[in-house]
Amino acid sequence: MSPSIIIADEPTTALDTENQYRVLQELERLRSEQDAAILLITHDLDVMAEMADEVLVMNRGETVDHTDVFSLFDSPRHPYTRELLCSRFEQELEEM
């Protein structure tokens, strides 16, 4: 099978860091070898930052932001997107 699109719905949820890394490596390998696109559905902003080129942010079933991954982190347009990013940074500070 040579899929043109690989759909990965929360592929790293509840995994420890090492196994999360392995899953992401495997997805990257498949993308490269199959010349496939990956539709990655995730709540994990770190995974998104590592894997995504383009990001679509949804809130209550509606698209609120759609941009490249760098713009999303550098200048989020929608208030909901800004809230998501702020909560991520707050969580990182609490872990320190």
PDB file of N, CA and C in Angstrom:
ATOM      1  N   MET A   1       0.841  -1.181   0.000  1.00  0.00           N
ATOM      2  CA  MET A   1       0.000   0.000   0.000  1.00  0.00           C
ATOM      3  C   MET A   1       0.882   1.239   0.000  1.00  0.00           C
ATOM      4  N   SER A   2       0.485   2.194  -0.791  1.00  0.00           N
ATOM      5  CA  SER A   2       1.206   3.463  -0.855  1.00  0.00           C
ATOM      6  C   SER A   2       0.219   4.611  -0.712  1.00  0.00           C
ATOM      7  N   PRO A   3      -0.170   4.902   0.528  1.00  0.00           N
ATOM      8  CA  PRO A   3      -1.160   5.960   0.713  1.00  0.00           C
ATOM      9  C   PRO A   3      -0.585   7.334   0.394  1.00  0.00           C
ATOM     10  N   SER A   4      -1.421   8.208  -0.127  1.00  0.00           N
ATOM     11  CA  SER A   4      -0.980   9.574  -0.370  1.00  0.00           C
ATOM     12  C   SER A   4      -1.207  10.441   0.861  1.00  0.00           C
ATOM     13  N   ILE A   5      -2.103   9.987   1.745  1.00  0.00           N
ATOM     14  CA  ILE A   5      -2.366  10.700   2.996  1.00  0.00           C
ATOM     15  C   ILE A   5      -2.388   9.694   4.147  1.00  0.00           C
ATOM     16  N   ILE A   6      -1.681  10.028   5.211  1.00  0.00           N
ATOM     17  CA  ILE A   6      -1.690   9.231   6.439  1.00  0.00           C
ATOM     18  C   ILE A   6      -2.414  10.073   7.486  1.00  0.00           C
ATOM     19  N   ILE A   7      -3.489   9.534   8.049  1.00  0.00           N
ATOM     20  CA  ILE A   7      -4.232  10.250   9.083  1.00  0.00           C
ATOM     21  C   ILE A   7      -3.795   9.693  10.437  1.00  0.00           C
ATOM     22  N   ALA A   8      -3.258  10.576  11.266  1.00  0.00           N
ATOM     23  CA  ALA A   8      -2.778  10.188  12.597  1.00  0.00           C
ATOM     24  C   ALA A   8      -3.556  10.999  13.637  1.00  0.00           C
ATOM     25  N   ASP A   9      -4.510  10.353  14.284  1.00  0.00           N
ATOM     26  CA  ASP A   9      -5.366  11.007  15.268  1.00  0.00           C
ATOM     27  C   ASP A   9      -4.812  10.762  16.663  1.00  0.00           C
ATOM     28  N   GLU A  10      -4.241  11.799  17.245  1.00  0.00           N
ATOM     29  CA  GLU A  10      -3.640  11.733  18.580  1.00  0.00           C
ATOM     30  C   GLU A  10      -2.667  10.557  18.708  1.00  0.00           C
ATOM     31  N   PRO A  11      -1.679  10.455  17.820  1.00  0.00           N
ATOM     32  CA  PRO A  11      -0.807   9.279  17.819  1.00  0.00           C
ATOM     33  C   PRO A  11       0.127   9.172  19.025  1.00  0.00           C
ATOM     34  N   THR A  12       0.302  10.252  19.766  1.00  0.00           N
ATOM     35  CA  THR A  12       1.250  10.203  20.882  1.00  0.00           C
ATOM     36  C   THR A  12       0.590  10.407  22.241  1.00  0.00           C
ATOM     37  N   THR A  13      -0.724  10.433  22.280  1.00  0.00           N
ATOM     38  CA  THR A  13      -1.436  10.640  23.544  1.00  0.00           C
ATOM     39  C   THR A  13      -1.090   9.537  24.537  1.00  0.00           C
ATOM     40  N   ALA A  14      -0.808   9.939  25.754  1.00  0.00           N
ATOM     41  CA  ALA A  14      -0.530   9.034  26.876  1.00  0.00           C
ATOM     42  C   ALA A  14       0.757   8.231  26.717  1.00  0.00           C
ATOM     43  N   LEU A  15       1.639   8.668  25.843  1.00  0.00           N
ATOM     44  CA  LEU A  15       2.933   7.995  25.697  1.00  0.00           C
ATOM     45  C   LEU A  15       4.007   8.764  26.450  1.00  0.00           C
ATOM     46  N   ASP A  16       4.982   8.039  26.973  1.00  0.00           N
ATOM     47  CA  ASP A  16       6.119   8.705  27.573  1.00  0.00           C
ATOM     48  C   ASP A  16       6.954   9.351  26.469  1.00  0.00           C
ATOM     49  N   THR A  17       7.873  10.198  26.841  1.00  0.00           N
ATOM     50  CA  THR A  17       8.647  10.984  25.891  1.00  0.00           C
ATOM     51  C   THR A  17       9.398  10.119  24.889  1.00  0.00           C
ATOM     52  N   GLU A  18      10.010   9.034  25.358  1.00  0.00           N
ATOM     53  CA  GLU A  18      10.782   8.162  24.470  1.00  0.00           C
ATOM     54  C   GLU A  18       9.900   7.517  23.405  1.00  0.00           C
ATOM     55  N   ASN A  19       8.756   6.990  23.802  1.00  0.00           N
ATOM     56  CA  ASN A  19       7.863   6.357  22.837  1.00  0.00           C
ATOM     57  C   ASN A  19       7.191   7.384  21.931  1.00  0.00           C
ATOM     58  N   GLN A  20       6.934   8.544  22.461  1.00  0.00           N
ATOM     59  CA  GLN A  20       6.397   9.624  21.637  1.00  0.00           C
ATOM     60  C   GLN A  20       7.377   9.953  20.509  1.00  0.00           C
ATOM     61  N   TYR A  21       8.635  10.050  20.861  1.00  0.00           N
ATOM     62  CA  TYR A  21       9.681  10.329  19.874  1.00  0.00           C
ATOM     63  C   TYR A  21       9.735   9.233  18.807  1.00  0.00           C
ATOM     64  N   ARG A  22       9.629   7.972  19.235  1.00  0.00           N
ATOM     65  CA  ARG A  22       9.655   6.853  18.285  1.00  0.00           C
ATOM     66  C   ARG A  22       8.482   6.902  17.307  1.00  0.00           C
ATOM     67  N   VAL A  23       7.306   7.217  17.820  1.00  0.00           N
ATOM     68  CA  VAL A  23       6.126   7.312  16.948  1.00  0.00           C
ATOM     69  C   VAL A  23       6.313   8.436  15.935  1.00  0.00           C
ATOM     70  N   LEU A  24       6.814   9.573  16.377  1.00  0.00           N
ATOM     71  CA  LEU A  24       7.031  10.692  15.461  1.00  0.00           C
ATOM     72  C   LEU A  24       8.100  10.365  14.420  1.00  0.00           C
ATOM     73  N   GLN A  25       9.136   9.658  14.833  1.00  0.00           N
ATOM     74  CA  GLN A  25      10.166   9.216  13.876  1.00  0.00           C
ATOM     75  C   GLN A  25       9.560   8.297  12.822  1.00  0.00           C
ATOM     76  N   GLU A  26       8.709   7.383  13.256  1.00  0.00           N
ATOM     77  CA  GLU A  26       8.080   6.445  12.335  1.00  0.00           C
ATOM     78  C   GLU A  26       7.154   7.173  11.359  1.00  0.00           C
ATOM     79  N   LEU A  27       6.404   8.138  11.853  1.00  0.00           N
ATOM     80  CA  LEU A  27       5.549   8.926  10.960  1.00  0.00           C
ATOM     81  C   LEU A  27       6.387   9.675   9.932  1.00  0.00           C
ATOM     82  N   GLU A  28       7.482  10.235  10.387  1.00  0.00           N
ATOM     83  CA  GLU A  28       8.371  10.960   9.463  1.00  0.00           C
ATOM     84  C   GLU A  28       8.966  10.013   8.423  1.00  0.00           C
ATOM     85  N   ARG A  29       9.348   8.817   8.858  1.00  0.00           N
ATOM     86  CA  ARG A  29       9.889   7.828   7.927  1.00  0.00           C
ATOM     87  C   ARG A  29       8.845   7.463   6.878  1.00  0.00           C
ATOM     88  N   LEU A  30       7.630   7.202   7.328  1.00  0.00           N
ATOM     89  CA  LEU A  30       6.559   6.861   6.392  1.00  0.00           C
ATOM     90  C   LEU A  30       6.283   7.999   5.417  1.00  0.00           C
ATOM     91  N   ARG A  31       6.264   9.211   5.923  1.00  0.00           N
ATOM     92  CA  ARG A  31       6.023  10.368   5.059  1.00  0.00           C
ATOM     93  C   ARG A  31       7.098  10.451   3.981  1.00  0.00           C
ATOM     94  N   SER A  32       8.316  10.247   4.377  1.00  0.00           N
ATOM     95  CA  SER A  32       9.430  10.340   3.441  1.00  0.00           C
ATOM     96  C   SER A  32       9.431   9.193   2.431  1.00  0.00           C
ATOM     97  N   GLU A  33       9.317   7.972   2.926  1.00  0.00           N
ATOM     98  CA  GLU A  33       9.374   6.802   2.047  1.00  0.00           C
ATOM     99  C   GLU A  33       8.170   6.697   1.119  1.00  0.00           C
ATOM    100  N   GLN A  34       7.003   7.060   1.598  1.00  0.00           N
ATOM    101  CA  GLN A  34       5.777   6.935   0.807  1.00  0.00           C
ATOM    102  C   GLN A  34       5.458   8.205   0.022  1.00  0.00           C
ATOM    103  N   ASP A  35       6.245   9.260   0.257  1.00  0.00           N
ATOM    104  CA  ASP A  35       5.968  10.567  -0.341  1.00  0.00           C
ATOM    105  C   ASP A  35       4.511  10.950  -0.057  1.00  0.00           C
ATOM    106  N   ALA A  36       4.141  10.809   1.204  1.00  0.00           N
ATOM    107  CA  ALA A  36       2.756  11.012   1.628  1.00  0.00           C
ATOM    108  C   ALA A  36       2.642  12.265   2.492  1.00  0.00           C
ATOM    109  N   ALA A  37       1.445  12.793   2.536  1.00  0.00           N
ATOM    110  CA  ALA A  37       1.120  13.875   3.462  1.00  0.00           C
ATOM    111  C   ALA A  37       0.602  13.244   4.743  1.00  0.00           C
ATOM    112  N   ILE A  38       0.783  13.944   5.851  1.00  0.00           N
ATOM    113  CA  ILE A  38       0.254  13.466   7.122  1.00  0.00           C
ATOM    114  C   ILE A  38      -0.756  14.474   7.634  1.00  0.00           C
ATOM    115  N   LEU A  39      -1.947  13.996   7.928  1.00  0.00           N
ATOM    116  CA  LEU A  39      -2.951  14.793   8.603  1.00  0.00           C
ATOM    117  C   LEU A  39      -2.838  14.414  10.073  1.00  0.00           C
ATOM    118  N   LEU A  40      -2.253  15.293  10.857  1.00  0.00           N
ATOM    119  CA  LEU A  40      -1.977  15.028  12.264  1.00  0.00           C
ATOM    120  C   LEU A  40      -3.005  15.761  13.115  1.00  0.00           C
ATOM    121  N   ILE A  41      -3.793  15.007  13.835  1.00  0.00           N
ATOM    122  CA  ILE A  41      -4.801  15.573  14.725  1.00  0.00           C
ATOM    123  C   ILE A  41      -4.243  15.460  16.135  1.00  0.00           C
ATOM    124  N   THR A  42      -4.037  16.603  16.784  1.00  0.00           N
ATOM    125  CA  THR A  42      -3.402  16.566  18.097  1.00  0.00           C
ATOM    126  C   THR A  42      -3.774  17.783  18.925  1.00  0.00           C
ATOM    127  N   HIS A  43      -3.728  17.605  20.244  1.00  0.00           N
ATOM    128  CA  HIS A  43      -3.845  18.710  21.183  1.00  0.00           C
ATOM    129  C   HIS A  43      -2.459  19.100  21.704  1.00  0.00           C
ATOM    130  N   ASP A  44      -1.465  18.340  21.331  1.00  0.00           N
ATOM    131  CA  ASP A  44      -0.107  18.531  21.834  1.00  0.00           C
ATOM    132  C   ASP A  44       0.636  19.532  20.947  1.00  0.00           C
ATOM    133  N   LEU A  45       0.823  20.734  21.469  1.00  0.00           N
ATOM    134  CA  LEU A  45       1.458  21.790  20.678  1.00  0.00           C
ATOM    135  C   LEU A  45       2.928  21.499  20.387  1.00  0.00           C
ATOM    136  N   ASP A  46       3.588  20.752  21.259  1.00  0.00           N
ATOM    137  CA  ASP A  46       4.978  20.377  21.000  1.00  0.00           C
ATOM    138  C   ASP A  46       5.072  19.431  19.808  1.00  0.00           C
ATOM    139  N   VAL A  47       4.164  18.475  19.737  1.00  0.00           N
ATOM    140  CA  VAL A  47       4.125  17.556  18.596  1.00  0.00           C
ATOM    141  C   VAL A  47       3.832  18.335  17.319  1.00  0.00           C
ATOM    142  N   MET A  48       2.871  19.245  17.416  1.00  0.00           N
ATOM    143  CA  MET A  48       2.520  20.056  16.255  1.00  0.00           C
ATOM    144  C   MET A  48       3.728  20.878  15.781  1.00  0.00           C
ATOM    145  N   ALA A  49       4.422  21.481  16.713  1.00  0.00           N
ATOM    146  CA  ALA A  49       5.581  22.296  16.355  1.00  0.00           C
ATOM    147  C   ALA A  49       6.658  21.460  15.676  1.00  0.00           C
ATOM    148  N   GLU A  50       6.799  20.217  16.101  1.00  0.00           N
ATOM    149  CA  GLU A  50       7.822  19.324  15.546  1.00  0.00           C
ATOM    150  C   GLU A  50       7.449  18.797  14.165  1.00  0.00           C
ATOM    151  N   MET A  51       6.180  18.504  13.945  1.00  0.00           N
ATOM    152  CA  MET A  51       5.772  17.776  12.747  1.00  0.00           C
ATOM    153  C   MET A  51       5.106  18.619  11.661  1.00  0.00           C
ATOM    154  N   ALA A  52       4.457  19.701  12.037  1.00  0.00           N
ATOM    155  CA  ALA A  52       3.576  20.398  11.096  1.00  0.00           C
ATOM    156  C   ALA A  52       4.283  21.442  10.245  1.00  0.00           C
ATOM    157  N   ASP A  53       3.795  21.576   9.035  1.00  0.00           N
ATOM    158  CA  ASP A  53       4.163  22.686   8.170  1.00  0.00           C
ATOM    159  C   ASP A  53       3.053  23.727   8.198  1.00  0.00           C
ATOM    160  N   GLU A  54       1.836  23.226   8.144  1.00  0.00           N
ATOM    161  CA  GLU A  54       0.648  24.062   8.109  1.00  0.00           C
ATOM    162  C   GLU A  54      -0.277  23.623   9.244  1.00  0.00           C
ATOM    163  N   VAL A  55      -0.951  24.593   9.878  1.00  0.00           N
ATOM    164  CA  VAL A  55      -1.770  24.296  11.051  1.00  0.00           C
ATOM    165  C   VAL A  55      -3.167  24.878  10.886  1.00  0.00           C
ATOM    166  N   LEU A  56      -4.138  24.076  11.280  1.00  0.00           N
ATOM    167  CA  LEU A  56      -5.524  24.517  11.331  1.00  0.00           C
ATOM    168  C   LEU A  56      -5.966  24.360  12.777  1.00  0.00           C
ATOM    169  N   VAL A  57      -6.357  25.456  13.421  1.00  0.00           N
ATOM    170  CA  VAL A  57      -6.803  25.423  14.808  1.00  0.00           C
ATOM    171  C   VAL A  57      -8.325  25.465  14.802  1.00  0.00           C
ATOM    172  N   MET A  58      -8.913  24.541  15.559  1.00  0.00           N
ATOM    173  CA  MET A  58     -10.370  24.491  15.633  1.00  0.00           C
ATOM    174  C   MET A  58     -10.827  24.718  17.069  1.00  0.00           C
ATOM    175  N   ASN A  59     -11.981  25.359  17.191  1.00  0.00           N
ATOM    176  CA  ASN A  59     -12.614  25.581  18.482  1.00  0.00           C
ATOM    177  C   ASN A  59     -14.103  25.303  18.304  1.00  0.00           C
ATOM    178  N   ARG A  60     -14.597  24.317  19.042  1.00  0.00           N
ATOM    179  CA  ARG A  60     -16.007  23.931  18.977  1.00  0.00           C
ATOM    180  C   ARG A  60     -16.449  23.591  17.554  1.00  0.00           C
ATOM    181  N   GLY A  61     -15.569  22.902  16.833  1.00  0.00           N
ATOM    182  CA  GLY A  61     -15.900  22.424  15.500  1.00  0.00           C
ATOM    183  C   GLY A  61     -15.742  23.435  14.385  1.00  0.00           C
ATOM    184  N   GLU A  62     -15.265  24.612  14.696  1.00  0.00           N
ATOM    185  CA  GLU A  62     -15.081  25.645  13.674  1.00  0.00           C
ATOM    186  C   GLU A  62     -13.616  26.031  13.572  1.00  0.00           C
ATOM    187  N   THR A  63     -13.172  26.289  12.353  1.00  0.00           N
ATOM    188  CA  THR A  63     -11.803  26.740  12.125  1.00  0.00           C
ATOM    189  C   THR A  63     -11.661  28.179  12.611  1.00  0.00           C
ATOM    190  N   VAL A  64     -10.672  28.423  13.485  1.00  0.00           N
ATOM    191  CA  VAL A  64     -10.436  29.781  13.975  1.00  0.00           C
ATOM    192  C   VAL A  64      -9.083  30.323  13.517  1.00  0.00           C
ATOM    193  N   ASP A  65      -8.204  29.463  13.095  1.00  0.00           N
ATOM    194  CA  ASP A  65      -6.886  29.885  12.599  1.00  0.00           C
ATOM    195  C   ASP A  65      -6.400  28.873  11.580  1.00  0.00           C
ATOM    196  N   HIS A  66      -5.763  29.351  10.541  1.00  0.00           N
ATOM    197  CA  HIS A  66      -5.189  28.487   9.515  1.00  0.00           C
ATOM    198  C   HIS A  66      -3.974  29.211   8.954  1.00  0.00           C
ATOM    199  N   THR A  67      -2.795  28.677   9.262  1.00  0.00           N
ATOM    200  CA  THR A  67      -1.562  29.354   8.870  1.00  0.00           C
ATOM    201  C   THR A  67      -0.405  28.363   8.906  1.00  0.00           C
ATOM    202  N   ASP A  68       0.771  28.832   8.552  1.00  0.00           N
ATOM    203  CA  ASP A  68       1.953  27.971   8.676  1.00  0.00           C
ATOM    204  C   ASP A  68       2.366  27.917  10.144  1.00  0.00           C
ATOM    205  N   VAL A  69       3.078  26.883  10.507  1.00  0.00           N
ATOM    206  CA  VAL A  69       3.392  26.628  11.911  1.00  0.00           C
ATOM    207  C   VAL A  69       4.225  27.755  12.527  1.00  0.00           C
ATOM    208  N   PHE A  70       5.121  28.376  11.765  1.00  0.00           N
ATOM    209  CA  PHE A  70       5.949  29.456  12.316  1.00  0.00           C
ATOM    210  C   PHE A  70       5.102  30.677  12.649  1.00  0.00           C
ATOM    211  N   SER A  71       4.200  31.042  11.740  1.00  0.00           N
ATOM    212  CA  SER A  71       3.319  32.190  11.987  1.00  0.00           C
ATOM    213  C   SER A  71       2.407  31.940  13.169  1.00  0.00           C
ATOM    214  N   LEU A  72       1.980  30.697  13.322  1.00  0.00           N
ATOM    215  CA  LEU A  72       1.094  30.378  14.434  1.00  0.00           C
ATOM    216  C   LEU A  72       1.771  30.699  15.763  1.00  0.00           C
ATOM    217  N   PHE A  73       3.015  30.308  15.910  1.00  0.00           N
ATOM    218  CA  PHE A  73       3.724  30.551  17.161  1.00  0.00           C
ATOM    219  C   PHE A  73       4.204  31.994  17.279  1.00  0.00           C
ATOM    220  N   ASP A  74       4.591  32.598  16.156  1.00  0.00           N
ATOM    221  CA  ASP A  74       5.118  33.966  16.189  1.00  0.00           C
ATOM    222  C   ASP A  74       4.031  35.025  16.316  1.00  0.00           C
ATOM    223  N   SER A  75       2.912  34.816  15.649  1.00  0.00           N
ATOM    224  CA  SER A  75       1.861  35.837  15.669  1.00  0.00           C
ATOM    225  C   SER A  75       0.484  35.203  15.484  1.00  0.00           C
ATOM    226  N   PRO A  76       0.008  34.525  16.531  1.00  0.00           N
ATOM    227  CA  PRO A  76      -1.319  33.914  16.438  1.00  0.00           C
ATOM    228  C   PRO A  76      -2.378  34.992  16.227  1.00  0.00           C
ATOM    229  N   ARG A  77      -3.295  34.714  15.312  1.00  0.00           N
ATOM    230  CA  ARG A  77      -4.289  35.725  14.940  1.00  0.00           C
ATOM    231  C   ARG A  77      -5.541  35.696  15.809  1.00  0.00           C
ATOM    232  N   HIS A  78      -5.998  34.532  16.159  1.00  0.00           N
ATOM    233  CA  HIS A  78      -7.280  34.413  16.848  1.00  0.00           C
ATOM    234  C   HIS A  78      -7.073  34.360  18.364  1.00  0.00           C
ATOM    235  N   PRO A  79      -7.976  34.970  19.132  1.00  0.00           N
ATOM    236  CA  PRO A  79      -7.842  34.929  20.601  1.00  0.00           C
ATOM    237  C   PRO A  79      -7.762  33.510  21.166  1.00  0.00           C
ATOM    238  N   TYR A  80      -8.508  32.574  20.599  1.00  0.00           N
ATOM    239  CA  TYR A  80      -8.461  31.192  21.085  1.00  0.00           C
ATOM    240  C   TYR A  80      -7.073  30.596  20.872  1.00  0.00           C
ATOM    241  N   THR A  81      -6.465  30.863  19.730  1.00  0.00           N
ATOM    242  CA  THR A  81      -5.114  30.373  19.457  1.00  0.00           C
ATOM    243  C   THR A  81      -4.127  30.969  20.440  1.00  0.00           C
ATOM    244  N   ARG A  82      -4.264  32.254  20.726  1.00  0.00           N
ATOM    245  CA  ARG A  82      -3.380  32.899  21.703  1.00  0.00           C
ATOM    246  C   ARG A  82      -3.547  32.257  23.083  1.00  0.00           C
ATOM    247  N   GLU A  83      -4.789  31.938  23.455  1.00  0.00           N
ATOM    248  CA  GLU A  83      -5.033  31.264  24.738  1.00  0.00           C
ATOM    249  C   GLU A  83      -4.339  29.907  24.797  1.00  0.00           C
ATOM    250  N   LEU A  84      -4.443  29.141  23.711  1.00  0.00           N
ATOM    251  CA  LEU A  84      -3.776  27.833  23.666  1.00  0.00           C
ATOM    252  C   LEU A  84      -2.275  27.979  23.876  1.00  0.00           C
ATOM    253  N   LEU A  85      -1.680  28.916  23.160  1.00  0.00           N
ATOM    254  CA  LEU A  85      -0.234  29.105  23.264  1.00  0.00           C
ATOM    255  C   LEU A  85       0.160  29.608  24.643  1.00  0.00           C
ATOM    256  N   CYS A  86      -0.620  30.508  25.204  1.00  0.00           N
ATOM    257  CA  CYS A  86      -0.319  31.006  26.552  1.00  0.00           C
ATOM    258  C   CYS A  86      -0.414  29.896  27.586  1.00  0.00           C
ATOM    259  N   SER A  87      -1.407  29.033  27.455  1.00  0.00           N
ATOM    260  CA  SER A  87      -1.543  27.941  28.416  1.00  0.00           C
ATOM    261  C   SER A  87      -0.360  26.988  28.322  1.00  0.00           C
ATOM    262  N   ARG A  88       0.160  26.806  27.113  1.00  0.00           N
ATOM    263  CA  ARG A  88       1.338  25.945  26.934  1.00  0.00           C
ATOM    264  C   ARG A  88       2.542  26.533  27.655  1.00  0.00           C
ATOM    265  N   PHE A  89       2.749  27.848  27.500  1.00  0.00           N
ATOM    266  CA  PHE A  89       3.900  28.493  28.131  1.00  0.00           C
ATOM    267  C   PHE A  89       3.735  28.533  29.645  1.00  0.00           C
ATOM    268  N   GLU A  90       2.520  28.729  30.134  1.00  0.00           N
ATOM    269  CA  GLU A  90       2.273  28.713  31.568  1.00  0.00           C
ATOM    270  C   GLU A  90       2.573  27.329  32.147  1.00  0.00           C
ATOM    271  N   GLN A  91       2.178  26.304  31.423  1.00  0.00           N
ATOM    272  CA  GLN A  91       2.426  24.931  31.876  1.00  0.00           C
ATOM    273  C   GLN A  91       3.932  24.654  31.939  1.00  0.00           C
ATOM    274  N   GLU A  92       4.683  25.140  30.953  1.00  0.00           N
ATOM    275  CA  GLU A  92       6.127  24.945  30.965  1.00  0.00           C
ATOM    276  C   GLU A  92       6.769  25.651  32.148  1.00  0.00           C
ATOM    277  N   LEU A  93       6.282  26.834  32.476  1.00  0.00           N
ATOM    278  CA  LEU A  93       6.831  27.561  33.628  1.00  0.00           C
ATOM    279  C   LEU A  93       6.543  26.826  34.934  1.00  0.00           C
ATOM    280  N   GLU A  94       5.357  26.237  35.048  1.00  0.00           N
ATOM    281  CA  GLU A  94       5.007  25.494  36.260  1.00  0.00           C
ATOM    282  C   GLU A  94       5.894  24.260  36.419  1.00  0.00           C
ATOM    283  N   GLU A  95       6.307  23.666  35.317  1.00  0.00           N
ATOM    284  CA  GLU A  95       7.135  22.460  35.373  1.00  0.00           C
ATOM    285  C   GLU A  95       8.574  22.764  35.757  1.00  0.00           C
ATOM    286  N   MET A  96       8.978  24.009  35.653  1.00  0.00           N
ATOM    287  CA  MET A  96      10.368  24.386  35.961  1.00  0.00           C
ATOM    288  C   MET A  96      10.608  24.444  37.432  1.00  0.00           C
TER     289      MET A  96
END
